[in-house]
Amino acid sequence: MKSGMNQVKDKAAQTVEITRLSSQISSIHKERASQLEKLGEIVHQANQRGRMQESIEQIQQHSTAITQVELEIESLEAQLLRVKGGKQCNCGAVIPAESRFCNTCGSEFKAEYVVSEPAQVEAEQQTNTFCTGCGLQLESDSVFCTSCGAKTE
């Protein structure tokens, strides 16, 4: 019973953190849109007046601010992915944090990218497909094994 209570408590804390990060990301996306709008106005006005060269410094400042906002969004999205128990491969696939190989492209993840506390996979999401190379139970859409990298059949 105590274990079940702890799982509920952990799930609630995870949900609160997911909501907090999602809210931050949404707010920063709005900031990015506002910065892009300001930049567009500056460029348009400078172009209309024929003074683009004189506005280069102001354009660069806004562009730098936008880049910083985008980096912040990227960082928060990575945090959100970790909280949800996943990680993203270079191919764009989101896979479980404990995976050593991508189940879409087969790319290997180096040890430094592994999240220390992997999320538990819900029983209903699992299938009865197993890797012929190492015996790991695979997700139904896996093209490669996340443990040994073998191509599934």
N, C-alpha and C. Protein backbone atom coordinates (compact mmCIF):
# COMPACT_ATOMS: atom_id res chain seq x y z
N MET A 1 0.83 -1.20 0.00
CA MET A 1 0.00 0.00 0.00
C MET A 1 0.87 1.25 0.00
N LYS A 2 1.95 1.20 0.84
CA LYS A 2 2.86 2.33 0.92
C LYS A 2 3.54 2.59 -0.42
N SER A 3 3.89 1.50 -1.12
CA SER A 3 4.53 1.63 -2.43
C SER A 3 3.59 2.30 -3.42
N GLY A 4 2.31 1.92 -3.38
CA GLY A 4 1.32 2.52 -4.26
C GLY A 4 1.14 4.00 -3.98
N MET A 5 1.17 4.37 -2.71
CA MET A 5 1.04 5.79 -2.32
C MET A 5 2.24 6.58 -2.83
N ASN A 6 3.42 5.98 -2.73
CA ASN A 6 4.63 6.66 -3.21
C ASN A 6 4.59 6.85 -4.72
N GLN A 7 4.06 5.86 -5.43
CA GLN A 7 3.96 5.96 -6.89
C GLN A 7 2.99 7.08 -7.27
N VAL A 8 1.88 7.18 -6.55
CA VAL A 8 0.91 8.24 -6.82
C VAL A 8 1.54 9.60 -6.53
N LYS A 9 2.27 9.70 -5.42
CA LYS A 9 2.94 10.95 -5.04
C LYS A 9 3.96 11.35 -6.11
N ASP A 10 4.76 10.38 -6.57
CA ASP A 10 5.76 10.65 -7.59
C ASP A 10 5.12 11.08 -8.91
N LYS A 11 4.02 10.42 -9.27
CA LYS A 11 3.32 10.75 -10.52
C LYS A 11 2.73 12.16 -10.44
N ALA A 12 2.21 12.52 -9.26
CA ALA A 12 1.65 13.86 -9.08
C ALA A 12 2.74 14.92 -9.19
N ALA A 13 3.89 14.65 -8.57
CA ALA A 13 5.02 15.59 -8.65
C ALA A 13 5.50 15.72 -10.09
N GLN A 14 5.53 14.61 -10.82
CA GLN A 14 5.94 14.64 -12.22
C GLN A 14 4.95 15.46 -13.04
N THR A 15 3.67 15.30 -12.78
CA THR A 15 2.64 16.04 -13.51
C THR A 15 2.76 17.54 -13.25
N VAL A 16 3.02 17.91 -11.99
CA VAL A 16 3.21 19.32 -11.65
C VAL A 16 4.41 19.88 -12.39
N GLU A 17 5.51 19.14 -12.44
CA GLU A 17 6.72 19.60 -13.12
C GLU A 17 6.49 19.71 -14.63
N ILE A 18 5.78 18.75 -15.20
CA ILE A 18 5.46 18.80 -16.64
C ILE A 18 4.62 20.04 -16.94
N THR A 19 3.64 20.31 -16.10
CA THR A 19 2.77 21.48 -16.29
C THR A 19 3.57 22.77 -16.16
N ARG A 20 4.47 22.84 -15.18
CA ARG A 20 5.30 24.03 -14.97
C ARG A 20 6.19 24.28 -16.19
N LEU A 21 6.87 23.24 -16.65
CA LEU A 21 7.76 23.39 -17.80
C LEU A 21 6.99 23.74 -19.07
N SER A 22 5.85 23.12 -19.27
CA SER A 22 5.03 23.40 -20.46
C SER A 22 4.56 24.86 -20.45
N SER A 23 4.19 25.35 -19.28
CA SER A 23 3.76 26.74 -19.15
C SER A 23 4.91 27.70 -19.47
N GLN A 24 6.10 27.38 -18.95
CA GLN A 24 7.27 28.21 -19.24
C GLN A 24 7.56 28.23 -20.74
N ILE A 25 7.51 27.06 -21.35
CA ILE A 25 7.79 26.96 -22.79
C ILE A 25 6.79 27.79 -23.58
N SER A 26 5.52 27.70 -23.21
CA SER A 26 4.48 28.47 -23.90
C SER A 26 4.73 29.97 -23.76
N SER A 27 5.07 30.40 -22.57
CA SER A 27 5.34 31.82 -22.31
C SER A 27 6.53 32.31 -23.12
N ILE A 28 7.56 31.50 -23.20
CA ILE A 28 8.77 31.90 -23.94
C ILE A 28 8.51 31.89 -25.45
N HIS A 29 7.65 30.99 -25.91
CA HIS A 29 7.26 31.01 -27.33
C HIS A 29 6.56 32.33 -27.66
N LYS A 30 5.74 32.82 -26.74
CA LYS A 30 5.07 34.11 -26.96
C LYS A 30 6.09 35.24 -27.00
N GLU A 31 7.09 35.17 -26.14
CA GLU A 31 8.17 36.17 -26.13
C GLU A 31 8.91 36.14 -27.47
N ARG A 32 9.17 34.94 -27.98
CA ARG A 32 9.86 34.80 -29.27
C ARG A 32 9.03 35.44 -30.39
N ALA A 33 7.72 35.17 -30.38
CA ALA A 33 6.84 35.73 -31.41
C ALA A 33 6.85 37.25 -31.34
N SER A 34 6.85 37.79 -30.12
CA SER A 34 6.88 39.24 -29.94
C SER A 34 8.20 39.82 -30.47
N GLN A 35 9.31 39.16 -30.16
CA GLN A 35 10.62 39.61 -30.64
C GLN A 35 10.69 39.57 -32.17
N LEU A 36 10.15 38.51 -32.75
CA LEU A 36 10.14 38.40 -34.22
C LEU A 36 9.30 39.50 -34.84
N GLU A 37 8.18 39.83 -34.22
CA GLU A 37 7.32 40.91 -34.72
C GLU A 37 8.07 42.25 -34.67
N LYS A 38 8.76 42.51 -33.55
CA LYS A 38 9.53 43.76 -33.43
C LYS A 38 10.62 43.82 -34.49
N LEU A 39 11.30 42.69 -34.68
CA LEU A 39 12.37 42.65 -35.68
C LEU A 39 11.81 42.93 -37.07
N GLY A 40 10.68 42.33 -37.37
CA GLY A 40 10.04 42.57 -38.67
C GLY A 40 9.68 44.03 -38.88
N GLU A 41 9.17 44.67 -37.82
CA GLU A 41 8.83 46.09 -37.91
C GLU A 41 10.07 46.95 -38.15
N ILE A 42 11.15 46.64 -37.46
CA ILE A 42 12.40 47.40 -37.62
C ILE A 42 12.91 47.27 -39.05
N VAL A 43 12.93 46.03 -39.57
CA VAL A 43 13.41 45.79 -40.93
C VAL A 43 12.52 46.50 -41.94
N HIS A 44 11.22 46.38 -41.76
CA HIS A 44 10.29 47.00 -42.70
C HIS A 44 10.45 48.52 -42.71
N GLN A 45 10.49 49.12 -41.53
CA GLN A 45 10.62 50.58 -41.45
C GLN A 45 11.95 51.05 -42.05
N ALA A 46 13.02 50.33 -41.76
CA ALA A 46 14.32 50.70 -42.30
C ALA A 46 14.31 50.59 -43.83
N ASN A 47 13.69 49.56 -44.33
CA ASN A 47 13.60 49.36 -45.77
C ASN A 47 12.76 50.46 -46.42
N GLN A 48 11.65 50.81 -45.78
CA GLN A 48 10.78 51.86 -46.31
C GLN A 48 11.50 53.20 -46.38
N ARG A 49 12.34 53.47 -45.42
CA ARG A 49 13.08 54.74 -45.37
C ARG A 49 14.38 54.69 -46.17
N GLY A 50 14.72 53.49 -46.66
CA GLY A 50 15.97 53.35 -47.40
C GLY A 50 17.19 53.45 -46.49
N ARG A 51 17.04 53.05 -45.23
CA ARG A 51 18.13 53.17 -44.25
C ARG A 51 18.46 51.82 -43.61
N MET A 52 18.57 50.79 -44.40
CA MET A 52 18.86 49.46 -43.88
C MET A 52 20.22 49.42 -43.19
N GLN A 53 21.22 50.04 -43.79
CA GLN A 53 22.58 50.01 -43.21
C GLN A 53 22.61 50.64 -41.83
N GLU A 54 21.85 51.70 -41.63
CA GLU A 54 21.83 52.40 -40.35
C GLU A 54 21.13 51.57 -39.27
N SER A 55 20.33 50.61 -39.66
CA SER A 55 19.55 49.81 -38.72
C SER A 55 20.18 48.45 -38.41
N ILE A 56 21.31 48.16 -39.02
CA ILE A 56 21.95 46.85 -38.87
C ILE A 56 22.21 46.52 -37.39
N GLU A 57 22.72 47.45 -36.62
CA GLU A 57 23.03 47.17 -35.21
C GLU A 57 21.76 46.82 -34.42
N GLN A 58 20.70 47.56 -34.66
CA GLN A 58 19.43 47.29 -33.98
C GLN A 58 18.87 45.93 -34.42
N ILE A 59 18.99 45.60 -35.68
CA ILE A 59 18.54 44.31 -36.20
C ILE A 59 19.34 43.18 -35.56
N GLN A 60 20.65 43.35 -35.47
CA GLN A 60 21.50 42.33 -34.86
C GLN A 60 21.17 42.13 -33.38
N GLN A 61 20.86 43.19 -32.66
CA GLN A 61 20.50 43.08 -31.25
C GLN A 61 19.23 42.25 -31.08
N HIS A 62 18.22 42.54 -31.89
CA HIS A 62 16.97 41.78 -31.82
C HIS A 62 17.18 40.33 -32.24
N SER A 63 17.99 40.12 -33.24
CA SER A 63 18.28 38.76 -33.70
C SER A 63 18.99 37.96 -32.62
N THR A 64 19.93 38.58 -31.92
CA THR A 64 20.63 37.93 -30.82
C THR A 64 19.66 37.58 -29.69
N ALA A 65 18.76 38.49 -29.37
CA ALA A 65 17.76 38.24 -28.33
C ALA A 65 16.86 37.06 -28.72
N ILE A 66 16.49 36.97 -29.98
CA ILE A 66 15.66 35.87 -30.46
C ILE A 66 16.42 34.55 -30.34
N THR A 67 17.68 34.55 -30.70
CA THR A 67 18.50 33.34 -30.60
C THR A 67 18.60 32.88 -29.14
N GLN A 68 18.75 33.80 -28.21
CA GLN A 68 18.82 33.44 -26.80
C GLN A 68 17.50 32.85 -26.31
N VAL A 69 16.40 33.40 -26.76
CA VAL A 69 15.08 32.87 -26.40
C VAL A 69 14.92 31.46 -26.97
N GLU A 70 15.35 31.25 -28.20
CA GLU A 70 15.26 29.93 -28.81
C GLU A 70 16.10 28.90 -28.06
N LEU A 71 17.28 29.30 -27.60
CA LEU A 71 18.12 28.39 -26.81
C LEU A 71 17.46 28.04 -25.48
N GLU A 72 16.79 29.01 -24.89
CA GLU A 72 16.07 28.77 -23.64
C GLU A 72 14.92 27.79 -23.87
N ILE A 73 14.21 27.95 -24.96
CA ILE A 73 13.13 27.03 -25.31
C ILE A 73 13.68 25.62 -25.49
N GLU A 74 14.79 25.51 -26.21
CA GLU A 74 15.42 24.21 -26.46
C GLU A 74 15.81 23.54 -25.14
N SER A 75 16.37 24.31 -24.23
CA SER A 75 16.78 23.78 -22.92
C SER A 75 15.57 23.29 -22.12
N LEU A 76 14.51 24.08 -22.10
CA LEU A 76 13.31 23.70 -21.36
C LEU A 76 12.63 22.48 -21.98
N GLU A 77 12.65 22.39 -23.30
CA GLU A 77 12.06 21.23 -23.96
C GLU A 77 12.86 19.96 -23.65
N ALA A 78 14.18 20.08 -23.52
CA ALA A 78 15.01 18.94 -23.13
C ALA A 78 14.70 18.52 -21.69
N GLN A 79 14.52 19.50 -20.80
CA GLN A 79 14.15 19.20 -19.42
C GLN A 79 12.80 18.49 -19.38
N LEU A 80 11.85 18.97 -20.16
CA LEU A 80 10.52 18.39 -20.21
C LEU A 80 10.58 16.93 -20.68
N LEU A 81 11.39 16.69 -21.68
CA LEU A 81 11.55 15.34 -22.21
C LEU A 81 12.13 14.41 -21.14
N ARG A 82 13.12 14.90 -20.38
CA ARG A 82 13.71 14.09 -19.29
C ARG A 82 12.68 13.79 -18.21
N VAL A 83 11.88 14.80 -17.83
CA VAL A 83 10.86 14.60 -16.82
C VAL A 83 9.85 13.55 -17.28
N LYS A 84 9.56 13.54 -18.57
CA LYS A 84 8.62 12.57 -19.12
C LYS A 84 9.26 11.19 -19.30
N GLY A 85 10.57 11.09 -19.03
CA GLY A 85 11.24 9.80 -19.11
C GLY A 85 11.72 9.42 -20.50
N GLY A 86 12.04 10.40 -21.31
CA GLY A 86 12.49 10.11 -22.66
C GLY A 86 13.71 10.91 -23.04
N LYS A 87 14.17 10.66 -24.24
CA LYS A 87 15.25 11.44 -24.83
C LYS A 87 15.03 11.45 -26.32
N GLN A 88 15.67 12.40 -27.00
CA GLN A 88 15.45 12.55 -28.43
C GLN A 88 16.72 12.19 -29.19
N CYS A 89 16.52 11.38 -30.21
CA CYS A 89 17.62 10.98 -31.09
C CYS A 89 17.86 12.07 -32.12
N ASN A 90 19.01 12.05 -32.75
CA ASN A 90 19.32 13.00 -33.82
C ASN A 90 18.35 12.89 -34.99
N CYS A 91 17.72 11.72 -35.15
CA CYS A 91 16.77 11.53 -36.25
C CYS A 91 15.41 12.14 -35.92
N GLY A 92 15.24 12.62 -34.67
CA GLY A 92 13.99 13.25 -34.26
C GLY A 92 13.07 12.35 -33.45
N ALA A 93 13.35 11.06 -33.41
CA ALA A 93 12.51 10.13 -32.65
C ALA A 93 12.69 10.35 -31.16
N VAL A 94 11.59 10.25 -30.42
CA VAL A 94 11.63 10.31 -28.96
C VAL A 94 11.54 8.87 -28.47
N ILE A 95 12.54 8.50 -27.64
CA ILE A 95 12.62 7.11 -27.17
C ILE A 95 12.77 7.09 -25.65
N PRO A 96 12.53 5.94 -25.02
CA PRO A 96 12.69 5.84 -23.56
C PRO A 96 14.11 6.20 -23.14
N ALA A 97 14.23 6.85 -21.99
CA ALA A 97 15.51 7.35 -21.50
C ALA A 97 16.55 6.25 -21.31
N GLU A 98 16.12 5.06 -20.96
CA GLU A 98 17.09 3.98 -20.69
C GLU A 98 17.62 3.31 -21.95
N SER A 99 17.11 3.67 -23.12
CA SER A 99 17.53 3.05 -24.38
C SER A 99 18.98 3.38 -24.70
N ARG A 100 19.69 2.38 -25.18
CA ARG A 100 21.07 2.58 -25.63
C ARG A 100 21.13 2.82 -27.13
N PHE A 101 20.06 2.39 -27.84
CA PHE A 101 19.98 2.55 -29.29
C PHE A 101 18.61 3.09 -29.66
N CYS A 102 18.56 3.87 -30.72
CA CYS A 102 17.28 4.39 -31.21
C CYS A 102 16.52 3.28 -31.90
N ASN A 103 15.21 3.16 -31.61
CA ASN A 103 14.41 2.11 -32.23
C ASN A 103 13.92 2.50 -33.63
N THR A 104 14.25 3.69 -34.08
CA THR A 104 13.85 4.13 -35.42
C THR A 104 15.01 4.06 -36.41
N CYS A 105 16.17 4.61 -36.01
CA CYS A 105 17.31 4.66 -36.94
C CYS A 105 18.47 3.76 -36.53
N GLY A 106 18.46 3.27 -35.29
CA GLY A 106 19.52 2.38 -34.83
C GLY A 106 20.74 3.07 -34.27
N SER A 107 20.73 4.40 -34.18
CA SER A 107 21.88 5.13 -33.65
C SER A 107 22.12 4.76 -32.19
N GLU A 108 23.40 4.66 -31.82
CA GLU A 108 23.76 4.34 -30.44
C GLU A 108 23.88 5.62 -29.63
N PHE A 109 23.40 5.56 -28.39
CA PHE A 109 23.56 6.67 -27.45
C PHE A 109 24.75 6.38 -26.56
N LYS A 110 25.60 7.37 -26.39
CA LYS A 110 26.75 7.23 -25.50
C LYS A 110 26.27 7.32 -24.06
N ALA A 111 27.03 6.78 -23.14
CA ALA A 111 26.64 6.70 -21.73
C ALA A 111 26.32 8.06 -21.12
N GLU A 112 27.00 9.13 -21.53
CA GLU A 112 26.77 10.43 -20.92
C GLU A 112 25.39 11.00 -21.23
N TYR A 113 24.69 10.44 -22.20
CA TYR A 113 23.36 10.92 -22.54
C TYR A 113 22.24 10.15 -21.85
N VAL A 114 22.59 9.12 -21.09
CA VAL A 114 21.58 8.30 -20.44
C VAL A 114 21.10 9.01 -19.18
N VAL A 115 19.79 9.11 -19.01
CA VAL A 115 19.20 9.72 -17.84
C VAL A 115 19.31 8.73 -16.69
N SER A 116 19.69 9.21 -15.50
CA SER A 116 19.98 8.32 -14.38
C SER A 116 18.75 7.62 -13.81
N GLU A 117 17.59 8.23 -13.92
CA GLU A 117 16.38 7.61 -13.39
C GLU A 117 15.39 7.39 -14.53
N PRO A 118 15.47 6.26 -15.21
CA PRO A 118 14.58 6.03 -16.34
C PRO A 118 13.12 5.91 -15.90
N ALA A 119 12.24 6.36 -16.76
CA ALA A 119 10.80 6.29 -16.47
C ALA A 119 10.33 4.86 -16.63
N GLN A 120 9.31 4.50 -15.87
CA GLN A 120 8.73 3.17 -16.00
C GLN A 120 7.81 3.15 -17.21
N VAL A 121 7.91 2.08 -17.99
CA VAL A 121 7.06 1.95 -19.17
C VAL A 121 5.76 1.29 -18.74
N GLU A 122 4.65 1.88 -19.13
CA GLU A 122 3.34 1.34 -18.79
C GLU A 122 3.17 -0.03 -19.44
N ALA A 123 2.57 -0.97 -18.70
CA ALA A 123 2.40 -2.34 -19.18
C ALA A 123 1.60 -2.39 -20.47
N GLU A 124 0.61 -1.54 -20.61
CA GLU A 124 -0.20 -1.60 -21.81
C GLU A 124 0.53 -1.11 -23.05
N GLN A 125 1.66 -0.42 -22.88
CA GLN A 125 2.42 0.07 -24.03
C GLN A 125 3.39 -0.99 -24.55
N GLN A 126 3.60 -2.04 -23.79
CA GLN A 126 4.56 -3.06 -24.18
C GLN A 126 3.90 -4.09 -25.08
N THR A 127 4.70 -4.75 -25.90
CA THR A 127 4.21 -5.80 -26.77
C THR A 127 4.94 -7.08 -26.43
N ASN A 128 4.61 -8.14 -27.10
CA ASN A 128 5.27 -9.41 -26.87
C ASN A 128 6.31 -9.70 -27.94
N THR A 129 6.89 -8.66 -28.56
CA THR A 129 7.92 -8.81 -29.56
C THR A 129 9.27 -8.73 -28.86
N PHE A 130 10.17 -9.67 -29.17
CA PHE A 130 11.46 -9.71 -28.51
C PHE A 130 12.58 -9.63 -29.54
N CYS A 131 13.70 -9.03 -29.12
CA CYS A 131 14.88 -8.91 -29.98
C CYS A 131 15.50 -10.29 -30.16
N THR A 132 15.87 -10.63 -31.38
CA THR A 132 16.51 -11.92 -31.64
C THR A 132 17.99 -11.88 -31.25
N GLY A 133 18.54 -10.67 -31.08
CA GLY A 133 19.95 -10.55 -30.70
C GLY A 133 20.19 -10.67 -29.21
N CYS A 134 19.35 -10.02 -28.40
CA CYS A 134 19.60 -10.02 -26.96
C CYS A 134 18.40 -10.44 -26.12
N GLY A 135 17.22 -10.59 -26.73
CA GLY A 135 16.05 -11.04 -26.01
C GLY A 135 15.23 -9.95 -25.34
N LEU A 136 15.61 -8.70 -25.52
CA LEU A 136 14.87 -7.59 -24.91
C LEU A 136 13.48 -7.49 -25.51
N GLN A 137 12.49 -7.20 -24.67
CA GLN A 137 11.13 -6.98 -25.17
C GLN A 137 11.11 -5.65 -25.91
N LEU A 138 10.55 -5.64 -27.12
CA LEU A 138 10.57 -4.46 -27.99
C LEU A 138 9.19 -3.82 -28.08
N GLU A 139 9.18 -2.52 -28.38
CA GLU A 139 7.94 -1.83 -28.68
C GLU A 139 7.51 -2.26 -30.08
N SER A 140 6.21 -2.20 -30.34
CA SER A 140 5.68 -2.71 -31.61
C SER A 140 6.23 -1.99 -32.84
N ASP A 141 6.59 -0.70 -32.71
CA ASP A 141 7.07 0.06 -33.87
C ASP A 141 8.59 0.11 -33.99
N SER A 142 9.30 -0.66 -33.17
CA SER A 142 10.76 -0.64 -33.18
C SER A 142 11.32 -1.24 -34.47
N VAL A 143 12.24 -0.53 -35.06
CA VAL A 143 12.95 -1.03 -36.22
C VAL A 143 14.29 -1.59 -35.78
N PHE A 144 14.85 -1.00 -34.68
CA PHE A 144 16.11 -1.46 -34.11
C PHE A 144 15.91 -1.68 -32.61
N CYS A 145 16.69 -2.61 -32.05
CA CYS A 145 16.65 -2.88 -30.61
C CYS A 145 17.31 -1.73 -29.86
N THR A 146 16.68 -1.27 -28.76
CA THR A 146 17.23 -0.16 -27.98
C THR A 146 18.35 -0.60 -27.05
N SER A 147 18.59 -1.91 -26.92
CA SER A 147 19.64 -2.40 -26.05
C SER A 147 20.91 -2.78 -26.80
N CYS A 148 20.76 -3.59 -27.88
CA CYS A 148 21.95 -4.04 -28.59
C CYS A 148 22.09 -3.45 -30.00
N GLY A 149 21.05 -2.78 -30.49
CA GLY A 149 21.12 -2.14 -31.80
C GLY A 149 20.80 -3.03 -32.98
N ALA A 150 20.42 -4.28 -32.69
CA ALA A 150 20.11 -5.21 -33.79
C ALA A 150 18.84 -4.77 -34.52
N LYS A 151 18.83 -4.97 -35.82
CA LYS A 151 17.64 -4.65 -36.62
C LYS A 151 16.58 -5.71 -36.34
N THR A 152 15.33 -5.25 -36.12
CA THR A 152 14.25 -6.19 -35.84
C THR A 152 13.77 -6.81 -37.14
N GLU A 153 13.12 -7.95 -37.01
CA GLU A 153 12.65 -8.67 -38.20
C GLU A 153 11.22 -8.37 -38.51
